[in-house]
Amino acid sequence: MIEELFEKFNGAFAPNTIRAYRSDFNDFQNWCSSEGLNELKCTDKQAGDYVNHLALYKSPATIRRRIASLTSIFNLLELNNPFIKPEVTLAIKRMHRQKGNVQRQAEPLTRELLDKMLLTCPNNVKGIRDQVLLLLGYETMRRRSELCSFRFSDISLLPNGKSSIRLNFSKTDQFGQGKLISISGNLHNLLTKWQAITNDNGYILRGVYKDFSISSSLSPASINRILRDLQHTAKIRLPHDFSGHSFRVGAALDMLNDGYSLERIMLKGGWKSESTAIRYLRTWQC
């Protein structure tokens, strides 16, 4: 039953969403197995116990995501859904009182810090790829999976002569309406140089091996590692390492400090609600 549902997900949800659903269900399934329970016949109390179990070692954000995934799965299977019952609601409230409800935001990668990291990039294949990643991430303010989905064929010139790159899908655009994102002439020139090195029209971001050979794509998970390495090379000491979301937070803060309106920041970052954009900015704005 569950495998048939995941098969139906193909084409209806983004691949990352399907992976998250499967991962969250597998975790619940493993817990039920350890407790001698049938995961598809879970009671309200057992669902609450699962939340209590997660609260011992998972963050509130992770727990909320897992419960949201399981809620969707049970609804789509048309089964009795224990995750929408009071037992689970109360367990989540207890968890928030114990652990808090604030999600730690990514360290902001502002333009000042970005420039320091750019200076450490050598003029070789890996260094040019790293420069592309830094500027593309900062200027487009996209999520990791969205950055890795950009292709050279998405680059175009606007009627006003400025350069742009087309975002075909995003977390908030699952049906591919797409949007054009303006990029600087500096980034456009760098992309032209990088395309000449890769010698094809495929994905912009690529893995680079030790012998400087280039792969055909880059895994979104690799972005955090690359940023961490660049941060340490640039000797930028912060409480936490940069992550893929650091581009979004840093660029949004720079726009705010430069006097851009919240509406302009939301449009550039692809946020649909003011509360989400404000949450990004509130933690770091003194």
C-alpha atoms as a PDB file:
ATOM      1  CA  MET A   1       0.000   0.000   0.000  1.00  0.00           C
ATOM      2  CA  ILE A   2       2.673   2.495   1.036  1.00  0.00           C
ATOM      3  CA  GLU A   3       4.933   1.671  -1.922  1.00  0.00           C
ATOM      4  CA  GLU A   4       2.023   2.158  -4.313  1.00  0.00           C
ATOM      5  CA  LEU A   5       1.475   5.593  -2.786  1.00  0.00           C
ATOM      6  CA  PHE A   6       5.117   6.574  -3.227  1.00  0.00           C
ATOM      7  CA  GLU A   7       4.913   5.454  -6.857  1.00  0.00           C
ATOM      8  CA  LYS A   8       1.950   7.792  -7.347  1.00  0.00           C
ATOM      9  CA  PHE A   9       4.005  10.639  -5.868  1.00  0.00           C
ATOM     10  CA  ASN A  10       6.314  10.566  -8.920  1.00  0.00           C
ATOM     11  CA  GLY A  11       5.531  13.564 -11.071  1.00  0.00           C
ATOM     12  CA  ALA A  12       3.119  15.016  -8.488  1.00  0.00           C
ATOM     13  CA  PHE A  13       5.814  16.197  -6.052  1.00  0.00           C
ATOM     14  CA  ALA A  14       9.392  17.372  -6.396  1.00  0.00           C
ATOM     15  CA  PRO A  15      12.012  14.609  -5.982  1.00  0.00           C
ATOM     16  CA  ASN A  16      13.305  16.215  -2.759  1.00  0.00           C
ATOM     17  CA  THR A  17       9.785  16.217  -1.312  1.00  0.00           C
ATOM     18  CA  ILE A  18       9.322  12.540  -2.144  1.00  0.00           C
ATOM     19  CA  ARG A  19      12.673  11.705  -0.529  1.00  0.00           C
ATOM     20  CA  ALA A  20      11.649  13.583   2.610  1.00  0.00           C
ATOM     21  CA  TYR A  21       8.282  11.788   2.756  1.00  0.00           C
ATOM     22  CA  ARG A  22       9.973   8.415   2.364  1.00  0.00           C
ATOM     23  CA  SER A  23      12.658   9.190   4.944  1.00  0.00           C
ATOM     24  CA  ASP A  24      10.092  10.425   7.477  1.00  0.00           C
ATOM     25  CA  PHE A  25       7.847   7.406   6.960  1.00  0.00           C
ATOM     26  CA  ASN A  26      10.802   5.006   7.232  1.00  0.00           C
ATOM     27  CA  ASP A  27      11.781   6.535  10.574  1.00  0.00           C
ATOM     28  CA  PHE A  28       8.234   6.121  11.871  1.00  0.00           C
ATOM     29  CA  GLN A  29       8.080   2.581  10.500  1.00  0.00           C
ATOM     30  CA  ASN A  30      11.340   1.660  12.264  1.00  0.00           C
ATOM     31  CA  TRP A  31      10.071   3.070  15.555  1.00  0.00           C
ATOM     32  CA  CYS A  32       6.819   1.120  15.235  1.00  0.00           C
ATOM     33  CA  SER A  33       8.771  -2.048  14.495  1.00  0.00           C
ATOM     34  CA  SER A  34      10.886  -1.558  17.618  1.00  0.00           C
ATOM     35  CA  GLU A  35       7.684  -1.120  19.651  1.00  0.00           C
ATOM     36  CA  GLY A  36       5.926  -4.098  18.060  1.00  0.00           C
ATOM     37  CA  LEU A  37       3.313  -1.864  16.396  1.00  0.00           C
ATOM     38  CA  ASN A  38       1.652  -1.820  12.973  1.00  0.00           C
ATOM     39  CA  GLU A  39       2.585   1.563  11.481  1.00  0.00           C
ATOM     40  CA  LEU A  40      -0.636   1.790   9.459  1.00  0.00           C
ATOM     41  CA  LYS A  41      -2.864   1.029  12.467  1.00  0.00           C
ATOM     42  CA  CYS A  42      -1.270   3.450  14.894  1.00  0.00           C
ATOM     43  CA  THR A  43      -3.509   4.787  17.689  1.00  0.00           C
ATOM     44  CA  ASP A  44      -3.706   8.387  18.887  1.00  0.00           C
ATOM     45  CA  LYS A  45      -1.712   7.543  22.018  1.00  0.00           C
ATOM     46  CA  GLN A  46       0.963   5.716  20.052  1.00  0.00           C
ATOM     47  CA  ALA A  47       1.322   8.676  17.694  1.00  0.00           C
ATOM     48  CA  GLY A  48       1.763  10.921  20.739  1.00  0.00           C
ATOM     49  CA  ASP A  49       4.368   8.509  22.119  1.00  0.00           C
ATOM     50  CA  TYR A  50       6.245   8.792  18.824  1.00  0.00           C
ATOM     51  CA  VAL A  51       6.397  12.584  19.200  1.00  0.00           C
ATOM     52  CA  ASN A  52       7.673  12.134  22.773  1.00  0.00           C
ATOM     53  CA  HIS A  53      10.323   9.752  21.432  1.00  0.00           C
ATOM     54  CA  LEU A  54      11.450  12.250  18.771  1.00  0.00           C
ATOM     55  CA  ALA A  55      11.582  15.061  21.348  1.00  0.00           C
ATOM     56  CA  LEU A  56      14.429  13.245  23.109  1.00  0.00           C
ATOM     57  CA  TYR A  57      16.917  13.787  20.289  1.00  0.00           C
ATOM     58  CA  LYS A  58      15.435  15.765  17.360  1.00  0.00           C
ATOM     59  CA  SER A  59      14.952  19.501  16.867  1.00  0.00           C
ATOM     60  CA  PRO A  60      11.443  21.006  16.940  1.00  0.00           C
ATOM     61  CA  ALA A  61      11.696  21.864  13.215  1.00  0.00           C
ATOM     62  CA  THR A  62      12.530  18.257  12.319  1.00  0.00           C
ATOM     63  CA  ILE A  63       9.705  16.926  14.467  1.00  0.00           C
ATOM     64  CA  ARG A  64       7.161  19.287  12.922  1.00  0.00           C
ATOM     65  CA  ARG A  65       8.289  18.268   9.432  1.00  0.00           C
ATOM     66  CA  ARG A  66       7.998  14.566  10.220  1.00  0.00           C
ATOM     67  CA  ILE A  67       4.515  14.941  11.666  1.00  0.00           C
ATOM     68  CA  ALA A  68       3.450  17.015   8.648  1.00  0.00           C
ATOM     69  CA  SER A  69       4.784  14.284   6.324  1.00  0.00           C
ATOM     70  CA  LEU A  70       2.984  11.523   8.204  1.00  0.00           C
ATOM     71  CA  THR A  71      -0.223  13.565   8.286  1.00  0.00           C
ATOM     72  CA  SER A  72      -0.130  13.882   4.491  1.00  0.00           C
ATOM     73  CA  ILE A  73       0.676  10.193   3.989  1.00  0.00           C
ATOM     74  CA  PHE A  74      -2.152   8.971   6.227  1.00  0.00           C
ATOM     75  CA  ASN A  75      -4.592  11.367   4.552  1.00  0.00           C
ATOM     76  CA  LEU A  76      -3.582  10.219   1.069  1.00  0.00           C
ATOM     77  CA  LEU A  77      -3.914   6.577   2.111  1.00  0.00           C
ATOM     78  CA  GLU A  78      -7.421   7.432   3.427  1.00  0.00           C
ATOM     79  CA  LEU A  79      -6.602   5.819   6.768  1.00  0.00           C
ATOM     80  CA  ASN A  80      -7.617   6.897  10.242  1.00  0.00           C
ATOM     81  CA  ASN A  81      -5.119   9.702  10.860  1.00  0.00           C
ATOM     82  CA  PRO A  82      -3.803   9.713  14.443  1.00  0.00           C
ATOM     83  CA  PHE A  83      -1.471  12.633  13.747  1.00  0.00           C
ATOM     84  CA  ILE A  84      -4.294  15.188  13.642  1.00  0.00           C
ATOM     85  CA  LYS A  85      -5.703  14.128  17.024  1.00  0.00           C
ATOM     86  CA  PRO A  86      -5.384  15.959  20.388  1.00  0.00           C
ATOM     87  CA  GLU A  87      -2.811  13.457  21.715  1.00  0.00           C
ATOM     88  CA  VAL A  88      -0.328  14.565  19.072  1.00  0.00           C
ATOM     89  CA  THR A  89      -1.209  18.267  19.381  1.00  0.00           C
ATOM     90  CA  LEU A  90      -0.544  18.125  23.129  1.00  0.00           C
ATOM     91  CA  ALA A  91       2.692  16.173  22.654  1.00  0.00           C
ATOM     92  CA  ILE A  92       3.947  18.848  20.238  1.00  0.00           C
ATOM     93  CA  LYS A  93       2.982  21.619  22.678  1.00  0.00           C
ATOM     94  CA  ARG A  94       4.894  19.839  25.460  1.00  0.00           C
ATOM     95  CA  MET A  95       7.868  19.500  23.160  1.00  0.00           C
ATOM     96  CA  HIS A  96       7.827  23.226  22.373  1.00  0.00           C
ATOM     97  CA  ARG A  97       7.663  24.144  26.066  1.00  0.00           C
ATOM     98  CA  GLN A  98      10.632  21.891  26.786  1.00  0.00           C
ATOM     99  CA  LYS A  99      12.820  22.725  23.795  1.00  0.00           C
ATOM    100  CA  GLY A 100      11.492  26.070  22.573  1.00  0.00           C
ATOM    101  CA  ASN A 101       9.977  26.875  19.205  1.00  0.00           C
ATOM    102  CA  VAL A 102      12.730  28.962  17.654  1.00  0.00           C
ATOM    103  CA  GLN A 103      14.579  27.476  14.700  1.00  0.00           C
ATOM    104  CA  ARG A 104      18.250  28.457  14.517  1.00  0.00           C
ATOM    105  CA  GLN A 105      18.829  30.445  11.369  1.00  0.00           C
ATOM    106  CA  ALA A 106      21.794  29.855   9.084  1.00  0.00           C
ATOM    107  CA  GLU A 107      24.841  32.085   9.494  1.00  0.00           C
ATOM    108  CA  PRO A 108      24.375  35.023   7.082  1.00  0.00           C
ATOM    109  CA  LEU A 109      26.827  35.099   4.181  1.00  0.00           C
ATOM    110  CA  THR A 110      26.876  38.838   3.572  1.00  0.00           C
ATOM    111  CA  ARG A 111      28.637  40.566   0.681  1.00  0.00           C
ATOM    112  CA  GLU A 112      31.576  41.542   2.898  1.00  0.00           C
ATOM    113  CA  LEU A 113      32.210  37.907   3.865  1.00  0.00           C
ATOM    114  CA  LEU A 114      31.496  36.710   0.328  1.00  0.00           C
ATOM    115  CA  ASP A 115      34.243  38.966  -1.026  1.00  0.00           C
ATOM    116  CA  LYS A 116      36.725  37.535   1.485  1.00  0.00           C
ATOM    117  CA  MET A 117      35.906  34.019   0.315  1.00  0.00           C
ATOM    118  CA  LEU A 118      36.148  35.008  -3.359  1.00  0.00           C
ATOM    119  CA  LEU A 119      39.684  36.272  -2.761  1.00  0.00           C
ATOM    120  CA  THR A 120      40.764  32.803  -1.617  1.00  0.00           C
ATOM    121  CA  CYS A 121      39.584  31.112  -4.846  1.00  0.00           C
ATOM    122  CA  PRO A 122      42.536  30.316  -7.136  1.00  0.00           C
ATOM    123  CA  ASN A 123      42.350  30.778 -10.889  1.00  0.00           C
ATOM    124  CA  ASN A 124      42.023  27.071 -11.651  1.00  0.00           C
ATOM    125  CA  VAL A 125      39.072  24.793 -12.453  1.00  0.00           C
ATOM    126  CA  LYS A 126      38.016  24.302  -8.844  1.00  0.00           C
ATOM    127  CA  GLY A 127      38.550  27.965  -7.973  1.00  0.00           C
ATOM    128  CA  ILE A 128      36.412  29.168 -10.878  1.00  0.00           C
ATOM    129  CA  ARG A 129      33.669  26.663  -9.954  1.00  0.00           C
ATOM    130  CA  ASP A 130      33.761  27.966  -6.382  1.00  0.00           C
ATOM    131  CA  GLN A 131      33.503  31.574  -7.591  1.00  0.00           C
ATOM    132  CA  VAL A 132      30.477  30.608  -9.693  1.00  0.00           C
ATOM    133  CA  LEU A 133      28.832  28.941  -6.693  1.00  0.00           C
ATOM    134  CA  LEU A 134      29.432  31.928  -4.412  1.00  0.00           C
ATOM    135  CA  LEU A 135      28.147  34.571  -6.819  1.00  0.00           C
ATOM    136  CA  LEU A 136      25.271  32.467  -8.167  1.00  0.00           C
ATOM    137  CA  GLY A 137      24.084  31.616  -4.654  1.00  0.00           C
ATOM    138  CA  TYR A 138      24.334  35.176  -3.375  1.00  0.00           C
ATOM    139  CA  GLU A 139      22.835  36.960  -6.393  1.00  0.00           C
ATOM    140  CA  THR A 140      19.916  34.572  -6.953  1.00  0.00           C
ATOM    141  CA  MET A 141      19.228  33.830  -3.227  1.00  0.00           C
ATOM    142  CA  ARG A 142      18.137  30.328  -4.149  1.00  0.00           C
ATOM    143  CA  ARG A 143      17.979  27.134  -2.103  1.00  0.00           C
ATOM    144  CA  ARG A 144      20.590  24.398  -2.586  1.00  0.00           C
ATOM    145  CA  SER A 145      18.468  22.170  -4.825  1.00  0.00           C
ATOM    146  CA  GLU A 146      17.440  25.168  -6.924  1.00  0.00           C
ATOM    147  CA  LEU A 147      21.054  26.280  -7.381  1.00  0.00           C
ATOM    148  CA  CYS A 148      21.995  22.792  -8.555  1.00  0.00           C
ATOM    149  CA  SER A 149      19.128  22.782 -11.066  1.00  0.00           C
ATOM    150  CA  PHE A 150      20.334  25.843 -13.010  1.00  0.00           C
ATOM    151  CA  ARG A 151      21.588  25.085 -16.544  1.00  0.00           C
ATOM    152  CA  PHE A 152      23.635  27.199 -18.900  1.00  0.00           C
ATOM    153  CA  SER A 153      20.616  27.233 -21.215  1.00  0.00           C
ATOM    154  CA  ASP A 154      18.703  29.151 -18.500  1.00  0.00           C
ATOM    155  CA  ILE A 155      20.941  32.217 -18.970  1.00  0.00           C
ATOM    156  CA  SER A 156      19.574  34.957 -21.215  1.00  0.00           C
ATOM    157  CA  LEU A 157      19.718  38.672 -21.940  1.00  0.00           C
ATOM    158  CA  LEU A 158      16.783  40.912 -20.989  1.00  0.00           C
ATOM    159  CA  PRO A 159      15.404  43.567 -23.375  1.00  0.00           C
ATOM    160  CA  ASN A 160      17.153  46.250 -21.288  1.00  0.00           C
ATOM    161  CA  GLY A 161      20.510  44.582 -22.000  1.00  0.00           C
ATOM    162  CA  LYS A 162      20.948  43.140 -18.521  1.00  0.00           C
ATOM    163  CA  SER A 163      21.642  39.468 -17.876  1.00  0.00           C
ATOM    164  CA  SER A 164      19.209  37.058 -16.237  1.00  0.00           C
ATOM    165  CA  ILE A 165      18.848  33.419 -15.324  1.00  0.00           C
ATOM    166  CA  ARG A 166      15.585  31.501 -15.392  1.00  0.00           C
ATOM    167  CA  LEU A 167      14.441  29.555 -12.342  1.00  0.00           C
ATOM    168  CA  ASN A 168      12.156  26.864 -13.735  1.00  0.00           C
ATOM    169  CA  PHE A 169      10.987  25.260 -10.484  1.00  0.00           C
ATOM    170  CA  SER A 170      11.268  26.150  -6.806  1.00  0.00           C
ATOM    171  CA  LYS A 171       9.919  25.178  -3.421  1.00  0.00           C
ATOM    172  CA  THR A 172       7.165  27.772  -3.843  1.00  0.00           C
ATOM    173  CA  ASP A 173       6.648  27.053  -7.559  1.00  0.00           C
ATOM    174  CA  GLN A 174       6.035  23.314  -7.849  1.00  0.00           C
ATOM    175  CA  PHE A 175       4.211  23.624 -11.189  1.00  0.00           C
ATOM    176  CA  GLY A 176       7.005  25.303 -13.092  1.00  0.00           C
ATOM    177  CA  GLN A 177       5.595  28.741 -13.854  1.00  0.00           C
ATOM    178  CA  GLY A 178       9.176  29.941 -13.596  1.00  0.00           C
ATOM    179  CA  LYS A 179      10.706  33.370 -13.014  1.00  0.00           C
ATOM    180  CA  LEU A 180      13.591  35.417 -14.398  1.00  0.00           C
ATOM    181  CA  ILE A 181      16.230  36.522 -11.892  1.00  0.00           C
ATOM    182  CA  SER A 182      18.513  39.414 -12.762  1.00  0.00           C
ATOM    183  CA  ILE A 183      22.251  38.721 -12.398  1.00  0.00           C
ATOM    184  CA  SER A 184      25.250  41.039 -12.602  1.00  0.00           C
ATOM    185  CA  GLY A 185      27.457  41.447 -15.640  1.00  0.00           C
ATOM    186  CA  ASN A 186      30.343  40.122 -13.514  1.00  0.00           C
ATOM    187  CA  LEU A 187      28.493  36.873 -12.849  1.00  0.00           C
ATOM    188  CA  HIS A 188      27.421  36.606 -16.503  1.00  0.00           C
ATOM    189  CA  ASN A 189      31.053  36.922 -17.644  1.00  0.00           C
ATOM    190  CA  LEU A 190      32.146  34.341 -15.079  1.00  0.00           C
ATOM    191  CA  LEU A 191      29.427  31.937 -16.251  1.00  0.00           C
ATOM    192  CA  THR A 192      30.595  32.383 -19.852  1.00  0.00           C
ATOM    193  CA  LYS A 193      34.143  31.540 -18.791  1.00  0.00           C
ATOM    194  CA  TRP A 194      32.943  28.519 -16.795  1.00  0.00           C
ATOM    195  CA  GLN A 195      30.826  27.229 -19.693  1.00  0.00           C
ATOM    196  CA  ALA A 196      33.867  27.340 -21.963  1.00  0.00           C
ATOM    197  CA  ILE A 197      35.683  25.155 -19.438  1.00  0.00           C
ATOM    198  CA  THR A 198      32.847  22.629 -19.057  1.00  0.00           C
ATOM    199  CA  ASN A 199      32.311  22.635 -22.830  1.00  0.00           C
ATOM    200  CA  ASP A 200      28.603  21.791 -22.774  1.00  0.00           C
ATOM    201  CA  ASN A 201      25.151  23.285 -22.145  1.00  0.00           C
ATOM    202  CA  GLY A 202      24.162  21.223 -19.089  1.00  0.00           C
ATOM    203  CA  TYR A 203      24.116  21.992 -15.378  1.00  0.00           C
ATOM    204  CA  ILE A 204      26.053  25.040 -14.232  1.00  0.00           C
ATOM    205  CA  LEU A 205      27.239  23.679 -10.886  1.00  0.00           C
ATOM    206  CA  ARG A 206      29.506  20.637 -11.170  1.00  0.00           C
ATOM    207  CA  GLY A 207      31.675  18.509  -8.956  1.00  0.00           C
ATOM    208  CA  VAL A 208      35.433  18.920  -9.467  1.00  0.00           C
ATOM    209  CA  TYR A 209      37.700  15.951  -8.761  1.00  0.00           C
ATOM    210  CA  LYS A 210      41.255  16.016  -7.410  1.00  0.00           C
ATOM    211  CA  ASP A 211      42.659  15.701 -10.927  1.00  0.00           C
ATOM    212  CA  PHE A 212      40.501  18.744 -11.915  1.00  0.00           C
ATOM    213  CA  SER A 213      38.210  16.657 -14.103  1.00  0.00           C
ATOM    214  CA  ILE A 214      34.606  17.874 -13.979  1.00  0.00           C
ATOM    215  CA  SER A 215      31.434  15.877 -13.291  1.00  0.00           C
ATOM    216  CA  SER A 216      28.124  16.521 -15.040  1.00  0.00           C
ATOM    217  CA  SER A 217      26.315  17.889 -11.963  1.00  0.00           C
ATOM    218  CA  LEU A 218      26.628  18.746  -8.276  1.00  0.00           C
ATOM    219  CA  SER A 219      24.698  17.221  -5.375  1.00  0.00           C
ATOM    220  CA  PRO A 220      22.872  19.822  -3.241  1.00  0.00           C
ATOM    221  CA  ALA A 221      24.416  18.200  -0.146  1.00  0.00           C
ATOM    222  CA  SER A 222      27.890  19.109  -1.461  1.00  0.00           C
ATOM    223  CA  ILE A 223      27.190  22.843  -1.202  1.00  0.00           C
ATOM    224  CA  ASN A 224      27.465  22.895   2.599  1.00  0.00           C
ATOM    225  CA  ARG A 225      30.844  21.114   2.438  1.00  0.00           C
ATOM    226  CA  ILE A 226      32.201  23.493  -0.220  1.00  0.00           C
ATOM    227  CA  LEU A 227      31.061  26.550   1.751  1.00  0.00           C
ATOM    228  CA  ARG A 228      32.570  25.172   4.953  1.00  0.00           C
ATOM    229  CA  ASP A 229      35.924  24.618   3.222  1.00  0.00           C
ATOM    230  CA  LEU A 230      35.899  28.112   1.692  1.00  0.00           C
ATOM    231  CA  GLN A 231      34.954  29.653   5.040  1.00  0.00           C
ATOM    232  CA  HIS A 232      37.856  27.945   6.811  1.00  0.00           C
ATOM    233  CA  THR A 233      40.300  28.843   4.010  1.00  0.00           C
ATOM    234  CA  ALA A 234      39.244  32.486   4.312  1.00  0.00           C
ATOM    235  CA  LYS A 235      39.694  32.209   8.119  1.00  0.00           C
ATOM    236  CA  ILE A 236      36.180  33.463   8.785  1.00  0.00           C
ATOM    237  CA  ARG A 237      35.417  32.506  12.378  1.00  0.00           C
ATOM    238  CA  LEU A 238      31.727  32.395  13.295  1.00  0.00           C
ATOM    239  CA  PRO A 239      29.663  30.453  15.862  1.00  0.00           C
ATOM    240  CA  HIS A 240      28.527  28.083  13.081  1.00  0.00           C
ATOM    241  CA  ASP A 241      29.661  27.099   9.601  1.00  0.00           C
ATOM    242  CA  PHE A 242      27.937  28.497   6.537  1.00  0.00           C
ATOM    243  CA  SER A 243      25.258  26.396   4.844  1.00  0.00           C
ATOM    244  CA  GLY A 244      23.242  26.646   1.652  1.00  0.00           C
ATOM    245  CA  HIS A 245      20.696  28.895   3.374  1.00  0.00           C
ATOM    246  CA  SER A 246      23.455  31.350   4.310  1.00  0.00           C
ATOM    247  CA  PHE A 247      23.185  32.880   0.826  1.00  0.00           C
ATOM    248  CA  ARG A 248      19.513  33.722   1.373  1.00  0.00           C
ATOM    249  CA  VAL A 249      19.975  35.149   4.857  1.00  0.00           C
ATOM    250  CA  GLY A 250      23.072  37.171   3.986  1.00  0.00           C
ATOM    251  CA  ALA A 251      21.677  38.661   0.779  1.00  0.00           C
ATOM    252  CA  ALA A 252      18.366  39.494   2.462  1.00  0.00           C
ATOM    253  CA  LEU A 253      20.207  41.289   5.295  1.00  0.00           C
ATOM    254  CA  ASP A 254      22.295  43.253   2.821  1.00  0.00           C
ATOM    255  CA  MET A 255      19.157  44.305   0.942  1.00  0.00           C
ATOM    256  CA  LEU A 256      17.498  45.377   4.196  1.00  0.00           C
ATOM    257  CA  ASN A 257      20.556  47.409   5.248  1.00  0.00           C
ATOM    258  CA  ASP A 258      20.655  48.999   1.779  1.00  0.00           C
ATOM    259  CA  GLY A 259      17.095  50.257   2.258  1.00  0.00           C
ATOM    260  CA  TYR A 260      15.165  47.814   0.080  1.00  0.00           C
ATOM    261  CA  SER A 261      11.511  47.269   1.009  1.00  0.00           C
ATOM    262  CA  LEU A 262      10.342  44.004   2.535  1.00  0.00           C
ATOM    263  CA  GLU A 263       8.260  43.414  -0.602  1.00  0.00           C
ATOM    264  CA  ARG A 264      11.378  43.687  -2.808  1.00  0.00           C
ATOM    265  CA  ILE A 265      13.290  41.311  -0.529  1.00  0.00           C
ATOM    266  CA  MET A 266      10.427  38.795  -0.588  1.00  0.00           C
ATOM    267  CA  LEU A 267      10.232  38.974  -4.379  1.00  0.00           C
ATOM    268  CA  LYS A 268      13.973  38.385  -4.811  1.00  0.00           C
ATOM    269  CA  GLY A 269      14.146  35.575  -2.239  1.00  0.00           C
ATOM    270  CA  GLY A 270      10.945  33.875  -3.358  1.00  0.00           C
ATOM    271  CA  TRP A 271       9.167  34.166   0.001  1.00  0.00           C
ATOM    272  CA  LYS A 272       5.381  34.184  -0.220  1.00  0.00           C
ATOM    273  CA  SER A 273       4.588  35.289   3.332  1.00  0.00           C
ATOM    274  CA  GLU A 274       5.903  38.260   5.293  1.00  0.00           C
ATOM    275  CA  SER A 275       6.203  36.139   8.440  1.00  0.00           C
ATOM    276  CA  THR A 276       8.714  33.791   6.792  1.00  0.00           C
ATOM    277  CA  ALA A 277      10.871  36.627   5.450  1.00  0.00           C
ATOM    278  CA  ILE A 278      10.750  38.481   8.757  1.00  0.00           C
ATOM    279  CA  ARG A 279      11.822  35.311  10.593  1.00  0.00           C
ATOM    280  CA  TYR A 280      14.952  35.225   8.457  1.00  0.00           C
ATOM    281  CA  LEU A 281      15.773  38.855   9.201  1.00  0.00           C
ATOM    282  CA  ARG A 282      14.662  39.241  12.815  1.00  0.00           C
ATOM    283  CA  THR A 283      17.348  36.976  14.326  1.00  0.00           C
ATOM    284  CA  TRP A 284      20.222  38.954  12.818  1.00  0.00           C
ATOM    285  CA  GLN A 285      18.918  42.527  12.708  1.00  0.00           C
ATOM    286  CA  CYS A 286      20.057  44.506  15.757  1.00  0.00           C
END
